[in-house]
Amino acid sequence: MRFTLSVTGLLLLINYMSLAQTTIRSSTPLLTANQVAQLLTRAQSGSPRDQFLLGQAYAKGQGVRQDLAQAFVWCLRAADRGDPGAITEVGRMYAEGSGVRQDYHQALMWFQRAAGDHDAPAQNNLGLMYLQGLGLHSDYRSAAEWWKKDADQGLPQAESNLGVAYFTGSGVEQDRSRAVQLFRKAAKSGLADAEFNLAYSYESGEGIRQDLGQAVHWYRSAAEQGYPPAQSNLGLLYQAGRGVTQNSKEALRLFRLAASAGNSKALVGLAQAYYAGLGVDRDPVAEYMCLDAASLSGEDVAEVMQMAARALKPSEIAEAQRQAKEWVANHKVPLKANLLSSFDSGR
């Protein structure tokens, strides 16, 4: 077989997903137009909490037409009046360029203000800013310090990020056993990133004894939340029959789900399925299209593409390349920090 497939490695809440959307917690009932009208009345009278909630309604489009610019206006008013959640939210909106022109220096200013009041999402976001060097010099040690403060407060996102720091030795002394402890703690909260990282640790046997059954369990838990890297890695386990009964059709389903969300490694899994007829009819053109799209997305598949091209006519290669470019154009995943909304944390 010409393929050597690799799993996706550990993921921070950074660079692999678009920014977290400003959102009203799922436990909160959807706002009605009448409730938003009442919020507006109270917000106009100067209530900072109601100004923040109104900003959230505009951001989500609950009870009112979605308007990110108005969301920023109301969150900024609330932040200026000292609402702690709004202060973090304004920083996130500046960092993302959501409803306002992107400005990392403004984002830092607002995050630092909120972090001074021990706001956990703001501290986590500062860690991400330090890690990426957004508005300041990259500093892994400072990033880890902010995540330690958040982990002490029990914020799952920070626990997972700090776990990656310990796993890789970024800003802290490498300690993979400690990393796994943090992944497990965060995973118990249902955080997909942490579930994925814990699954990867079990699969690789790094920081904990290898246990493919546990790897399947945690990959599946994250995959069921719609987490593309977990869907892709779980697909690989199904395809190979590692830790689970071999099932090419289930692998194919998972690869397609992950690929539809822009996961490039899943494309390589799909290419192998089309090459070998695993759960699908053999299709050299579809194989080449998947490989080309994966290559355009940064995967190192040049050697495999050369072998795949030998079975195709020039016209078939051209058609596969056209489809690959179209796929990439329709599945671009922004490389941005996945910053937390303070409202997501229940503030």
C-alpha atoms as a PDB file:
ATOM      1  CA  MET A   1       0.000   0.000   0.000  1.00  0.00           C
ATOM      2  CA  ARG A   2       1.384   3.368  -0.998  1.00  0.00           C
ATOM      3  CA  PHE A   3       0.053   5.329   1.980  1.00  0.00           C
ATOM      4  CA  THR A   4       1.590   6.066   5.355  1.00  0.00           C
ATOM      5  CA  LEU A   5      -1.078   7.910   7.348  1.00  0.00           C
ATOM      6  CA  SER A   6      -0.294  10.043  10.372  1.00  0.00           C
ATOM      7  CA  VAL A   7      -2.556  11.179  13.164  1.00  0.00           C
ATOM      8  CA  THR A   8      -3.122  14.775  14.109  1.00  0.00           C
ATOM      9  CA  GLY A   9      -1.001  15.642  17.134  1.00  0.00           C
ATOM     10  CA  LEU A  10      -1.858  17.594  20.277  1.00  0.00           C
ATOM     11  CA  LEU A  11      -3.967  20.689  19.797  1.00  0.00           C
ATOM     12  CA  LEU A  12      -4.005  23.926  21.683  1.00  0.00           C
ATOM     13  CA  LEU A  13      -7.128  26.071  21.560  1.00  0.00           C
ATOM     14  CA  ILE A  14      -5.290  27.990  18.887  1.00  0.00           C
ATOM     15  CA  ASN A  15      -4.537  28.074  15.162  1.00  0.00           C
ATOM     16  CA  TYR A  16      -6.641  25.068  14.216  1.00  0.00           C
ATOM     17  CA  MET A  17     -10.107  26.556  14.503  1.00  0.00           C
ATOM     18  CA  SER A  18     -11.729  29.883  13.838  1.00  0.00           C
ATOM     19  CA  LEU A  19     -12.372  32.196  16.747  1.00  0.00           C
ATOM     20  CA  ALA A  20     -15.006  31.140  19.237  1.00  0.00           C
ATOM     21  CA  GLN A  21     -18.262  32.853  18.401  1.00  0.00           C
ATOM     22  CA  THR A  22     -19.734  35.224  20.925  1.00  0.00           C
ATOM     23  CA  THR A  23     -22.608  33.190  22.270  1.00  0.00           C
ATOM     24  CA  ILE A  24     -25.265  33.092  24.925  1.00  0.00           C
ATOM     25  CA  ARG A  25     -24.842  29.920  26.940  1.00  0.00           C
ATOM     26  CA  SER A  26     -26.842  26.933  25.760  1.00  0.00           C
ATOM     27  CA  SER A  27     -28.445  26.710  29.213  1.00  0.00           C
ATOM     28  CA  THR A  28     -29.942  30.183  28.669  1.00  0.00           C
ATOM     29  CA  PRO A  29     -33.307  30.252  26.823  1.00  0.00           C
ATOM     30  CA  LEU A  30     -33.319  32.039  23.472  1.00  0.00           C
ATOM     31  CA  LEU A  31     -34.183  35.708  23.830  1.00  0.00           C
ATOM     32  CA  THR A  32     -37.397  36.974  22.291  1.00  0.00           C
ATOM     33  CA  ALA A  33     -37.907  40.306  20.546  1.00  0.00           C
ATOM     34  CA  ASN A  34     -39.889  41.521  23.570  1.00  0.00           C
ATOM     35  CA  GLN A  35     -37.082  40.601  25.968  1.00  0.00           C
ATOM     36  CA  VAL A  36     -34.538  42.379  23.779  1.00  0.00           C
ATOM     37  CA  ALA A  37     -36.748  45.485  23.761  1.00  0.00           C
ATOM     38  CA  GLN A  38     -36.731  45.409  27.559  1.00  0.00           C
ATOM     39  CA  LEU A  39     -32.952  44.971  27.560  1.00  0.00           C
ATOM     40  CA  LEU A  40     -32.649  47.993  25.283  1.00  0.00           C
ATOM     41  CA  THR A  41     -34.689  50.151  27.651  1.00  0.00           C
ATOM     42  CA  ARG A  42     -32.547  49.175  30.634  1.00  0.00           C
ATOM     43  CA  ALA A  43     -29.327  49.444  28.621  1.00  0.00           C
ATOM     44  CA  GLN A  44     -30.212  52.958  27.475  1.00  0.00           C
ATOM     45  CA  SER A  45     -30.765  53.902  31.108  1.00  0.00           C
ATOM     46  CA  GLY A  46     -27.152  52.940  31.822  1.00  0.00           C
ATOM     47  CA  SER A  47     -27.251  49.391  33.237  1.00  0.00           C
ATOM     48  CA  PRO A  48     -23.839  47.892  32.301  1.00  0.00           C
ATOM     49  CA  ARG A  49     -24.976  44.288  32.675  1.00  0.00           C
ATOM     50  CA  ASP A  50     -27.965  44.882  30.408  1.00  0.00           C
ATOM     51  CA  GLN A  51     -25.719  46.680  27.925  1.00  0.00           C
ATOM     52  CA  PHE A  52     -23.504  43.601  27.836  1.00  0.00           C
ATOM     53  CA  LEU A  53     -26.478  41.259  27.434  1.00  0.00           C
ATOM     54  CA  LEU A  54     -27.822  43.437  24.635  1.00  0.00           C
ATOM     55  CA  GLY A  55     -24.440  43.231  22.926  1.00  0.00           C
ATOM     56  CA  GLN A  56     -24.615  39.465  23.184  1.00  0.00           C
ATOM     57  CA  ALA A  57     -28.117  39.454  21.681  1.00  0.00           C
ATOM     58  CA  TYR A  58     -26.883  41.472  18.695  1.00  0.00           C
ATOM     59  CA  ALA A  59     -23.859  39.189  18.298  1.00  0.00           C
ATOM     60  CA  LYS A  60     -25.968  36.039  18.290  1.00  0.00           C
ATOM     61  CA  GLY A  61     -28.977  37.469  16.483  1.00  0.00           C
ATOM     62  CA  GLN A  62     -31.359  36.503  19.292  1.00  0.00           C
ATOM     63  CA  GLY A  63     -34.553  38.533  19.337  1.00  0.00           C
ATOM     64  CA  VAL A  64     -32.961  41.032  16.988  1.00  0.00           C
ATOM     65  CA  ARG A  65     -31.221  40.984  13.622  1.00  0.00           C
ATOM     66  CA  GLN A  66     -27.562  40.000  13.991  1.00  0.00           C
ATOM     67  CA  ASP A  67     -25.329  43.071  13.917  1.00  0.00           C
ATOM     68  CA  LEU A  68     -21.719  42.652  15.071  1.00  0.00           C
ATOM     69  CA  ALA A  69     -21.049  46.391  14.916  1.00  0.00           C
ATOM     70  CA  GLN A  70     -23.937  47.041  17.321  1.00  0.00           C
ATOM     71  CA  ALA A  71     -22.721  44.137  19.459  1.00  0.00           C
ATOM     72  CA  PHE A  72     -19.370  45.867  19.817  1.00  0.00           C
ATOM     73  CA  VAL A  73     -20.970  49.245  20.587  1.00  0.00           C
ATOM     74  CA  TRP A  74     -23.010  47.867  23.469  1.00  0.00           C
ATOM     75  CA  CYS A  75     -20.215  45.666  24.833  1.00  0.00           C
ATOM     76  CA  LEU A  76     -17.886  48.670  24.773  1.00  0.00           C
ATOM     77  CA  ARG A  77     -20.412  50.786  26.691  1.00  0.00           C
ATOM     78  CA  ALA A  78     -20.695  48.038  29.293  1.00  0.00           C
ATOM     79  CA  ALA A  79     -16.912  47.677  29.484  1.00  0.00           C
ATOM     80  CA  ASP A  80     -16.466  51.411  29.968  1.00  0.00           C
ATOM     81  CA  ARG A  81     -18.830  51.113  32.936  1.00  0.00           C
ATOM     82  CA  GLY A  82     -16.758  48.287  34.392  1.00  0.00           C
ATOM     83  CA  ASP A  83     -18.720  45.139  33.575  1.00  0.00           C
ATOM     84  CA  PRO A  84     -16.071  42.385  33.945  1.00  0.00           C
ATOM     85  CA  GLY A  85     -17.468  40.097  31.247  1.00  0.00           C
ATOM     86  CA  ALA A  86     -17.791  42.969  28.790  1.00  0.00           C
ATOM     87  CA  ILE A  87     -14.180  44.005  29.354  1.00  0.00           C
ATOM     88  CA  THR A  88     -12.963  40.583  28.246  1.00  0.00           C
ATOM     89  CA  GLU A  89     -15.468  40.489  25.389  1.00  0.00           C
ATOM     90  CA  VAL A  90     -14.263  43.813  23.983  1.00  0.00           C
ATOM     91  CA  GLY A  91     -10.701  42.457  24.045  1.00  0.00           C
ATOM     92  CA  ARG A  92     -11.801  39.354  22.184  1.00  0.00           C
ATOM     93  CA  MET A  93     -13.668  41.387  19.585  1.00  0.00           C
ATOM     94  CA  TYR A  94     -10.620  43.583  18.982  1.00  0.00           C
ATOM     95  CA  ALA A  95      -8.410  40.508  18.660  1.00  0.00           C
ATOM     96  CA  GLU A  96     -10.803  38.848  16.224  1.00  0.00           C
ATOM     97  CA  GLY A  97     -11.841  41.967  14.332  1.00  0.00           C
ATOM     98  CA  SER A  98     -15.471  41.148  15.154  1.00  0.00           C
ATOM     99  CA  GLY A  99     -17.637  44.244  14.733  1.00  0.00           C
ATOM    100  CA  VAL A 100     -14.566  46.454  14.905  1.00  0.00           C
ATOM    101  CA  ARG A 101     -11.249  46.795  13.095  1.00  0.00           C
ATOM    102  CA  GLN A 102      -8.768  44.198  14.336  1.00  0.00           C
ATOM    103  CA  ASP A 103      -6.303  45.720  16.797  1.00  0.00           C
ATOM    104  CA  TYR A 104      -4.102  43.405  18.879  1.00  0.00           C
ATOM    105  CA  HIS A 105      -2.758  46.260  21.025  1.00  0.00           C
ATOM    106  CA  GLN A 106      -6.296  47.258  22.023  1.00  0.00           C
ATOM    107  CA  ALA A 107      -7.081  43.591  22.659  1.00  0.00           C
ATOM    108  CA  LEU A 108      -4.118  43.299  24.980  1.00  0.00           C
ATOM    109  CA  MET A 109      -5.110  46.420  26.874  1.00  0.00           C
ATOM    110  CA  TRP A 110      -8.602  45.103  27.566  1.00  0.00           C
ATOM    111  CA  PHE A 111      -7.427  41.572  28.387  1.00  0.00           C
ATOM    112  CA  GLN A 112      -4.831  42.936  30.819  1.00  0.00           C
ATOM    113  CA  ARG A 113      -7.462  45.078  32.494  1.00  0.00           C
ATOM    114  CA  ALA A 114      -9.774  42.083  32.942  1.00  0.00           C
ATOM    115  CA  ALA A 115      -6.934  39.780  33.983  1.00  0.00           C
ATOM    116  CA  GLY A 116      -6.046  42.285  36.705  1.00  0.00           C
ATOM    117  CA  ASP A 117      -9.459  41.466  38.148  1.00  0.00           C
ATOM    118  CA  HIS A 118      -8.696  37.719  37.856  1.00  0.00           C
ATOM    119  CA  ASP A 119     -11.112  37.141  34.969  1.00  0.00           C
ATOM    120  CA  ALA A 120     -10.341  33.574  33.868  1.00  0.00           C
ATOM    121  CA  PRO A 121     -11.198  33.883  30.131  1.00  0.00           C
ATOM    122  CA  ALA A 122      -9.079  37.051  29.909  1.00  0.00           C
ATOM    123  CA  GLN A 123      -6.121  35.284  31.499  1.00  0.00           C
ATOM    124  CA  ASN A 124      -6.473  32.357  29.120  1.00  0.00           C
ATOM    125  CA  ASN A 125      -6.643  34.721  26.161  1.00  0.00           C
ATOM    126  CA  LEU A 126      -3.535  36.570  27.325  1.00  0.00           C
ATOM    127  CA  GLY A 127      -1.742  33.235  27.335  1.00  0.00           C
ATOM    128  CA  LEU A 128      -2.779  32.686  23.716  1.00  0.00           C
ATOM    129  CA  MET A 129      -1.655  36.196  22.759  1.00  0.00           C
ATOM    130  CA  TYR A 130       1.756  35.608  24.360  1.00  0.00           C
ATOM    131  CA  LEU A 131       2.082  32.229  22.677  1.00  0.00           C
ATOM    132  CA  GLN A 132       1.446  33.621  19.209  1.00  0.00           C
ATOM    133  CA  GLY A 133       3.149  36.966  19.698  1.00  0.00           C
ATOM    134  CA  LEU A 134       0.009  38.949  18.885  1.00  0.00           C
ATOM    135  CA  GLY A 135       0.673  42.584  19.757  1.00  0.00           C
ATOM    136  CA  LEU A 136       3.823  41.652  21.682  1.00  0.00           C
ATOM    137  CA  HIS A 137       6.844  39.365  21.450  1.00  0.00           C
ATOM    138  CA  SER A 138       6.122  35.635  21.617  1.00  0.00           C
ATOM    139  CA  ASP A 139       6.823  34.380  25.137  1.00  0.00           C
ATOM    140  CA  TYR A 140       6.007  30.750  25.954  1.00  0.00           C
ATOM    141  CA  ARG A 141       6.923  31.144  29.612  1.00  0.00           C
ATOM    142  CA  SER A 142       4.464  34.013  30.108  1.00  0.00           C
ATOM    143  CA  ALA A 143       1.797  32.073  28.237  1.00  0.00           C
ATOM    144  CA  ALA A 144       2.241  29.122  30.599  1.00  0.00           C
ATOM    145  CA  GLU A 145       2.130  31.408  33.642  1.00  0.00           C
ATOM    146  CA  TRP A 146      -1.256  32.796  32.625  1.00  0.00           C
ATOM    147  CA  TRP A 147      -2.588  29.284  31.998  1.00  0.00           C
ATOM    148  CA  LYS A 148      -1.345  28.159  35.412  1.00  0.00           C
ATOM    149  CA  LYS A 149      -3.391  30.920  37.051  1.00  0.00           C
ATOM    150  CA  ASP A 150      -6.447  29.851  35.090  1.00  0.00           C
ATOM    151  CA  ALA A 151      -5.890  26.151  35.728  1.00  0.00           C
ATOM    152  CA  ASP A 152      -5.833  26.925  39.448  1.00  0.00           C
ATOM    153  CA  GLN A 153      -9.298  28.421  38.954  1.00  0.00           C
ATOM    154  CA  GLY A 154     -10.426  25.254  37.162  1.00  0.00           C
ATOM    155  CA  LEU A 155     -10.860  26.696  33.651  1.00  0.00           C
ATOM    156  CA  PRO A 156     -10.867  23.629  31.342  1.00  0.00           C
ATOM    157  CA  GLN A 157      -9.466  25.490  28.306  1.00  0.00           C
ATOM    158  CA  ALA A 158      -6.461  26.651  30.315  1.00  0.00           C
ATOM    159  CA  GLU A 159      -5.955  23.172  31.778  1.00  0.00           C
ATOM    160  CA  SER A 160      -5.805  21.734  28.270  1.00  0.00           C
ATOM    161  CA  ASN A 161      -3.470  24.454  26.995  1.00  0.00           C
ATOM    162  CA  LEU A 162      -1.197  24.108  30.018  1.00  0.00           C
ATOM    163  CA  GLY A 163      -1.214  20.362  29.424  1.00  0.00           C
ATOM    164  CA  VAL A 164       0.121  20.903  25.906  1.00  0.00           C
ATOM    165  CA  ALA A 165       2.811  23.196  27.336  1.00  0.00           C
ATOM    166  CA  TYR A 166       3.907  20.443  29.741  1.00  0.00           C
ATOM    167  CA  PHE A 167       3.690  17.780  27.029  1.00  0.00           C
ATOM    168  CA  THR A 168       5.937  19.749  24.655  1.00  0.00           C
ATOM    169  CA  GLY A 169       8.093  21.541  27.233  1.00  0.00           C
ATOM    170  CA  SER A 170       6.969  24.962  25.953  1.00  0.00           C
ATOM    171  CA  GLY A 171       7.594  27.574  28.660  1.00  0.00           C
ATOM    172  CA  VAL A 172       7.761  24.895  31.376  1.00  0.00           C
ATOM    173  CA  GLU A 173       9.892  21.858  32.083  1.00  0.00           C
ATOM    174  CA  GLN A 174       8.578  18.933  30.054  1.00  0.00           C
ATOM    175  CA  ASP A 175       6.402  16.613  32.137  1.00  0.00           C
ATOM    176  CA  ARG A 176       4.106  14.399  30.086  1.00  0.00           C
ATOM    177  CA  SER A 177       2.575  12.659  33.097  1.00  0.00           C
ATOM    178  CA  ARG A 178       1.500  16.052  34.426  1.00  0.00           C
ATOM    179  CA  ALA A 179       0.210  16.903  30.951  1.00  0.00           C
ATOM    180  CA  VAL A 180      -2.019  13.825  30.904  1.00  0.00           C
ATOM    181  CA  GLN A 181      -3.378  14.692  34.360  1.00  0.00           C
ATOM    182  CA  LEU A 182      -4.390  18.117  33.058  1.00  0.00           C
ATOM    183  CA  PHE A 183      -5.915  16.679  29.882  1.00  0.00           C
ATOM    184  CA  ARG A 184      -7.965  14.232  31.949  1.00  0.00           C
ATOM    185  CA  LYS A 185      -9.212  16.938  34.296  1.00  0.00           C
ATOM    186  CA  ALA A 186     -10.264  19.183  31.412  1.00  0.00           C
ATOM    187  CA  ALA A 187     -11.752  16.281  29.452  1.00  0.00           C
ATOM    188  CA  LYS A 188     -14.092  15.452  32.335  1.00  0.00           C
ATOM    189  CA  SER A 189     -15.745  18.832  31.715  1.00  0.00           C
ATOM    190  CA  GLY A 190     -16.555  17.743  28.152  1.00  0.00           C
ATOM    191  CA  LEU A 191     -14.017  20.000  26.439  1.00  0.00           C
ATOM    192  CA  ALA A 192     -13.428  18.477  23.003  1.00  0.00           C
ATOM    193  CA  ASP A 193      -9.845  19.747  22.716  1.00  0.00           C
ATOM    194  CA  ALA A 194      -8.903  18.084  25.993  1.00  0.00           C
ATOM    195  CA  GLU A 195     -10.696  14.865  25.071  1.00  0.00           C
ATOM    196  CA  PHE A 196      -8.721  14.824  21.838  1.00  0.00           C
ATOM    197  CA  ASN A 197      -5.416  15.449  23.616  1.00  0.00           C
ATOM    198  CA  LEU A 198      -6.140  12.726  26.170  1.00  0.00           C
ATOM    199  CA  ALA A 199      -7.027  10.304  23.355  1.00  0.00           C
ATOM    200  CA  TYR A 200      -3.792  11.133  21.550  1.00  0.00           C
ATOM    201  CA  SER A 201      -1.821  10.451  24.741  1.00  0.00           C
ATOM    202  CA  TYR A 202      -3.494   7.059  25.144  1.00  0.00           C
ATOM    203  CA  GLU A 203      -2.886   6.208  21.485  1.00  0.00           C
ATOM    204  CA  SER A 204       0.785   7.218  21.510  1.00  0.00           C
ATOM    205  CA  GLY A 205       1.523   5.883  24.998  1.00  0.00           C
ATOM    206  CA  GLU A 206       3.278   9.132  25.917  1.00  0.00           C
ATOM    207  CA  GLY A 207       2.768  10.231  29.516  1.00  0.00           C
ATOM    208  CA  ILE A 208       0.577   7.202  30.183  1.00  0.00           C
ATOM    209  CA  ARG A 209       0.523   3.514  29.300  1.00  0.00           C
ATOM    210  CA  GLN A 210      -0.807   2.944  25.785  1.00  0.00           C
ATOM    211  CA  ASP A 211      -4.466   1.955  25.759  1.00  0.00           C
ATOM    212  CA  LEU A 212      -6.130   1.963  22.342  1.00  0.00           C
ATOM    213  CA  GLY A 213      -9.537   1.252  23.861  1.00  0.00           C
ATOM    214  CA  GLN A 214      -9.305   4.464  25.891  1.00  0.00           C
ATOM    215  CA  ALA A 215      -8.007   6.300  22.830  1.00  0.00           C
ATOM    216  CA  VAL A 216     -11.102   5.216  20.886  1.00  0.00           C
ATOM    217  CA  HIS A 217     -13.348   6.235  23.781  1.00  0.00           C
ATOM    218  CA  TRP A 218     -12.001   9.784  24.041  1.00  0.00           C
ATOM    219  CA  TYR A 219     -11.663  10.315  20.279  1.00  0.00           C
ATOM    220  CA  ARG A 220     -15.301   9.239  19.912  1.00  0.00           C
ATOM    221  CA  SER A 221     -16.425  11.595  22.658  1.00  0.00           C
ATOM    222  CA  ALA A 222     -14.737  14.538  20.914  1.00  0.00           C
ATOM    223  CA  ALA A 223     -15.872  13.370  17.471  1.00  0.00           C
ATOM    224  CA  GLU A 224     -19.498  13.265  18.604  1.00  0.00           C
ATOM    225  CA  GLN A 225     -19.148  16.949  19.448  1.00  0.00           C
ATOM    226  CA  GLY A 226     -18.239  17.572  15.816  1.00  0.00           C
ATOM    227  CA  TYR A 227     -14.504  17.975  16.449  1.00  0.00           C
ATOM    228  CA  PRO A 228     -12.782  17.361  13.070  1.00  0.00           C
ATOM    229  CA  PRO A 229      -9.302  16.258  14.275  1.00  0.00           C
ATOM    230  CA  ALA A 230     -10.923  13.617  16.483  1.00  0.00           C
ATOM    231  CA  GLN A 231     -13.146  12.452  13.627  1.00  0.00           C
ATOM    232  CA  SER A 232     -10.063  12.073  11.427  1.00  0.00           C
ATOM    233  CA  ASN A 233      -7.981  10.191  14.007  1.00  0.00           C
ATOM    234  CA  LEU A 234     -10.903   7.946  14.949  1.00  0.00           C
ATOM    235  CA  GLY A 235     -11.357   7.222  11.242  1.00  0.00           C
ATOM    236  CA  LEU A 236      -7.749   6.050  11.080  1.00  0.00           C
ATOM    237  CA  LEU A 237      -8.327   3.674  13.990  1.00  0.00           C
ATOM    238  CA  TYR A 238     -11.439   2.238  12.333  1.00  0.00           C
ATOM    239  CA  GLN A 239      -9.618   1.890   9.028  1.00  0.00           C
ATOM    240  CA  ALA A 240      -6.744  -0.026  10.632  1.00  0.00           C
ATOM    241  CA  GLY A 241      -8.818  -1.911  13.218  1.00  0.00           C
ATOM    242  CA  ARG A 242      -6.746  -0.534  16.109  1.00  0.00           C
ATOM    243  CA  GLY A 243      -8.623  -0.553  19.424  1.00  0.00           C
ATOM    244  CA  VAL A 244     -11.875  -1.159  17.566  1.00  0.00           C
ATOM    245  CA  THR A 245     -13.318  -3.650  15.098  1.00  0.00           C
ATOM    246  CA  GLN A 246     -12.137  -2.769  11.593  1.00  0.00           C
ATOM    247  CA  ASN A 247     -14.873  -0.931   9.708  1.00  0.00           C
ATOM    248  CA  SER A 248     -14.010   0.766   6.415  1.00  0.00           C
ATOM    249  CA  LYS A 249     -17.447   2.320   5.978  1.00  0.00           C
ATOM    250  CA  GLU A 250     -17.342   3.942   9.410  1.00  0.00           C
ATOM    251  CA  ALA A 251     -13.830   5.203   8.694  1.00  0.00           C
ATOM    252  CA  LEU A 252     -15.076   6.668   5.422  1.00  0.00           C
ATOM    253  CA  ARG A 253     -17.986   8.388   7.183  1.00  0.00           C
ATOM    254  CA  LEU A 254     -15.650   9.957   9.745  1.00  0.00           C
ATOM    255  CA  PHE A 255     -13.152  11.083   7.108  1.00  0.00           C
ATOM    256  CA  ARG A 256     -15.930  12.745   5.130  1.00  0.00           C
ATOM    257  CA  LEU A 257     -17.235  14.541   8.215  1.00  0.00           C
ATOM    258  CA  ALA A 258     -13.777  15.834   9.119  1.00  0.00           C
ATOM    259  CA  ALA A 259     -12.917  16.788   5.545  1.00  0.00           C
ATOM    260  CA  SER A 260     -16.189  18.707   5.156  1.00  0.00           C
ATOM    261  CA  ALA A 261     -15.018  20.860   8.066  1.00  0.00           C
ATOM    262  CA  GLY A 262     -11.675  21.515   6.380  1.00  0.00           C
ATOM    263  CA  ASN A 263      -9.481  18.876   8.055  1.00  0.00           C
ATOM    264  CA  SER A 264      -6.636  18.155   5.622  1.00  0.00           C
ATOM    265  CA  LYS A 265      -5.464  14.895   7.228  1.00  0.00           C
ATOM    266  CA  ALA A 266      -8.927  13.450   6.680  1.00  0.00           C
ATOM    267  CA  LEU A 267      -8.422  14.093   2.970  1.00  0.00           C
ATOM    268  CA  VAL A 268      -5.420  11.774   3.031  1.00  0.00           C
ATOM    269  CA  GLY A 269      -7.578   9.116   4.678  1.00  0.00           C
ATOM    270  CA  LEU A 270     -10.186   9.576   1.969  1.00  0.00           C
ATOM    271  CA  ALA A 271      -7.507   9.303  -0.704  1.00  0.00           C
ATOM    272  CA  GLN A 272      -6.400   5.960   0.699  1.00  0.00           C
ATOM    273  CA  ALA A 273     -10.014   4.750   0.725  1.00  0.00           C
ATOM    274  CA  TYR A 274     -10.444   5.691  -2.946  1.00  0.00           C
ATOM    275  CA  TYR A 275      -7.089   4.087  -3.812  1.00  0.00           C
ATOM    276  CA  ALA A 276      -7.751   0.751  -2.088  1.00  0.00           C
ATOM    277  CA  GLY A 277     -11.546   0.604  -2.354  1.00  0.00           C
ATOM    278  CA  LEU A 278     -12.040   0.737   1.413  1.00  0.00           C
ATOM    279  CA  GLY A 279     -15.755   1.252   1.953  1.00  0.00           C
ATOM    280  CA  VAL A 280     -16.103   2.851  -1.475  1.00  0.00           C
ATOM    281  CA  ASP A 281     -15.435   1.961  -5.115  1.00  0.00           C
ATOM    282  CA  ARG A 282     -11.888   2.571  -6.285  1.00  0.00           C
ATOM    283  CA  ASP A 283     -11.615   5.977  -7.956  1.00  0.00           C
ATOM    284  CA  PRO A 284      -8.142   7.199  -9.054  1.00  0.00           C
ATOM    285  CA  VAL A 285      -9.435  10.659  -9.957  1.00  0.00           C
ATOM    286  CA  ALA A 286     -11.079  11.161  -6.562  1.00  0.00           C
ATOM    287  CA  GLU A 287      -7.910   9.833  -4.928  1.00  0.00           C
ATOM    288  CA  TYR A 288      -5.769  12.401  -6.730  1.00  0.00           C
ATOM    289  CA  MET A 289      -8.238  15.203  -5.990  1.00  0.00           C
ATOM    290  CA  CYS A 290      -8.086  14.438  -2.253  1.00  0.00           C
ATOM    291  CA  LEU A 291      -4.299  14.296  -2.310  1.00  0.00           C
ATOM    292  CA  ASP A 292      -4.001  17.554  -4.237  1.00  0.00           C
ATOM    293  CA  ALA A 293      -6.408  19.312  -1.870  1.00  0.00           C
ATOM    294  CA  ALA A 294      -4.428  17.956   1.091  1.00  0.00           C
ATOM    295  CA  SER A 295      -1.201  19.202  -0.492  1.00  0.00           C
ATOM    296  CA  LEU A 296      -2.678  22.659  -1.074  1.00  0.00           C
ATOM    297  CA  SER A 297      -3.685  22.633   2.605  1.00  0.00           C
ATOM    298  CA  GLY A 298      -0.126  21.922   3.761  1.00  0.00           C
ATOM    299  CA  GLU A 299       0.110  18.137   3.917  1.00  0.00           C
ATOM    300  CA  ASP A 300       3.343  16.514   2.655  1.00  0.00           C
ATOM    301  CA  VAL A 301       1.959  14.081   0.074  1.00  0.00           C
ATOM    302  CA  ALA A 302       4.089  14.922  -2.989  1.00  0.00           C
ATOM    303  CA  GLU A 303       5.564  11.425  -3.330  1.00  0.00           C
ATOM    304  CA  VAL A 304       2.173   9.736  -3.092  1.00  0.00           C
ATOM    305  CA  MET A 305       0.738  12.188  -5.627  1.00  0.00           C
ATOM    306  CA  GLN A 306       3.451  11.259  -8.105  1.00  0.00           C
ATOM    307  CA  MET A 307       2.505   7.583  -7.806  1.00  0.00           C
ATOM    308  CA  ALA A 308      -1.206   8.362  -8.094  1.00  0.00           C
ATOM    309  CA  ALA A 309      -0.626  10.454 -11.236  1.00  0.00           C
ATOM    310  CA  ARG A 310       0.797   7.448 -13.103  1.00  0.00           C
ATOM    311  CA  ALA A 311      -2.676   5.904 -13.298  1.00  0.00           C
ATOM    312  CA  LEU A 312      -4.295   9.013 -14.765  1.00  0.00           C
ATOM    313  CA  LYS A 313      -4.562  10.746 -18.125  1.00  0.00           C
ATOM    314  CA  PRO A 314      -3.494  14.415 -18.296  1.00  0.00           C
ATOM    315  CA  SER A 315      -7.140  15.441 -18.665  1.00  0.00           C
ATOM    316  CA  GLU A 316      -8.063  13.480 -15.536  1.00  0.00           C
ATOM    317  CA  ILE A 317      -5.261  15.121 -13.562  1.00  0.00           C
ATOM    318  CA  ALA A 318      -6.429  18.542 -14.729  1.00  0.00           C
ATOM    319  CA  GLU A 319      -9.983  17.801 -13.628  1.00  0.00           C
ATOM    320  CA  ALA A 320      -8.809  16.509 -10.246  1.00  0.00           C
ATOM    321  CA  GLN A 321      -6.704  19.636  -9.762  1.00  0.00           C
ATOM    322  CA  ARG A 322      -9.685  21.837 -10.607  1.00  0.00           C
ATOM    323  CA  GLN A 323     -11.821  20.027  -8.046  1.00  0.00           C
ATOM    324  CA  ALA A 324      -9.040  20.267  -5.447  1.00  0.00           C
ATOM    325  CA  LYS A 325      -8.714  24.035  -5.861  1.00  0.00           C
ATOM    326  CA  GLU A 326     -12.461  24.386  -5.571  1.00  0.00           C
ATOM    327  CA  TRP A 327     -12.469  22.275  -2.412  1.00  0.00           C
ATOM    328  CA  VAL A 328      -9.722  24.378  -0.790  1.00  0.00           C
ATOM    329  CA  ALA A 329     -11.489  27.625  -1.698  1.00  0.00           C
ATOM    330  CA  ASN A 330     -14.656  26.362  -0.025  1.00  0.00           C
ATOM    331  CA  HIS A 331     -12.985  24.949   3.095  1.00  0.00           C
ATOM    332  CA  LYS A 332     -10.501  27.567   4.234  1.00  0.00           C
ATOM    333  CA  VAL A 333      -9.944  27.434   7.988  1.00  0.00           C
ATOM    334  CA  PRO A 334      -8.705  30.744   9.458  1.00  0.00           C
ATOM    335  CA  LEU A 335      -5.436  30.464  11.371  1.00  0.00           C
ATOM    336  CA  LYS A 336      -6.422  32.539  14.398  1.00  0.00           C
ATOM    337  CA  ALA A 337      -6.309  32.214  18.149  1.00  0.00           C
ATOM    338  CA  ASN A 338      -9.407  30.521  19.508  1.00  0.00           C
ATOM    339  CA  LEU A 339     -10.108  33.165  22.139  1.00  0.00           C
ATOM    340  CA  LEU A 340     -12.744  32.689  24.805  1.00  0.00           C
ATOM    341  CA  SER A 341     -15.815  34.811  25.192  1.00  0.00           C
ATOM    342  CA  SER A 342     -16.280  35.691  28.857  1.00  0.00           C
ATOM    343  CA  PHE A 343     -20.004  35.002  28.400  1.00  0.00           C
ATOM    344  CA  ASP A 344     -19.188  31.429  27.392  1.00  0.00           C
ATOM    345  CA  SER A 345     -17.663  30.921  30.833  1.00  0.00           C
ATOM    346  CA  GLY A 346     -20.838  32.070  32.551  1.00  0.00           C
ATOM    347  CA  ARG A 347     -19.563  35.397  33.820  1.00  0.00           C
END
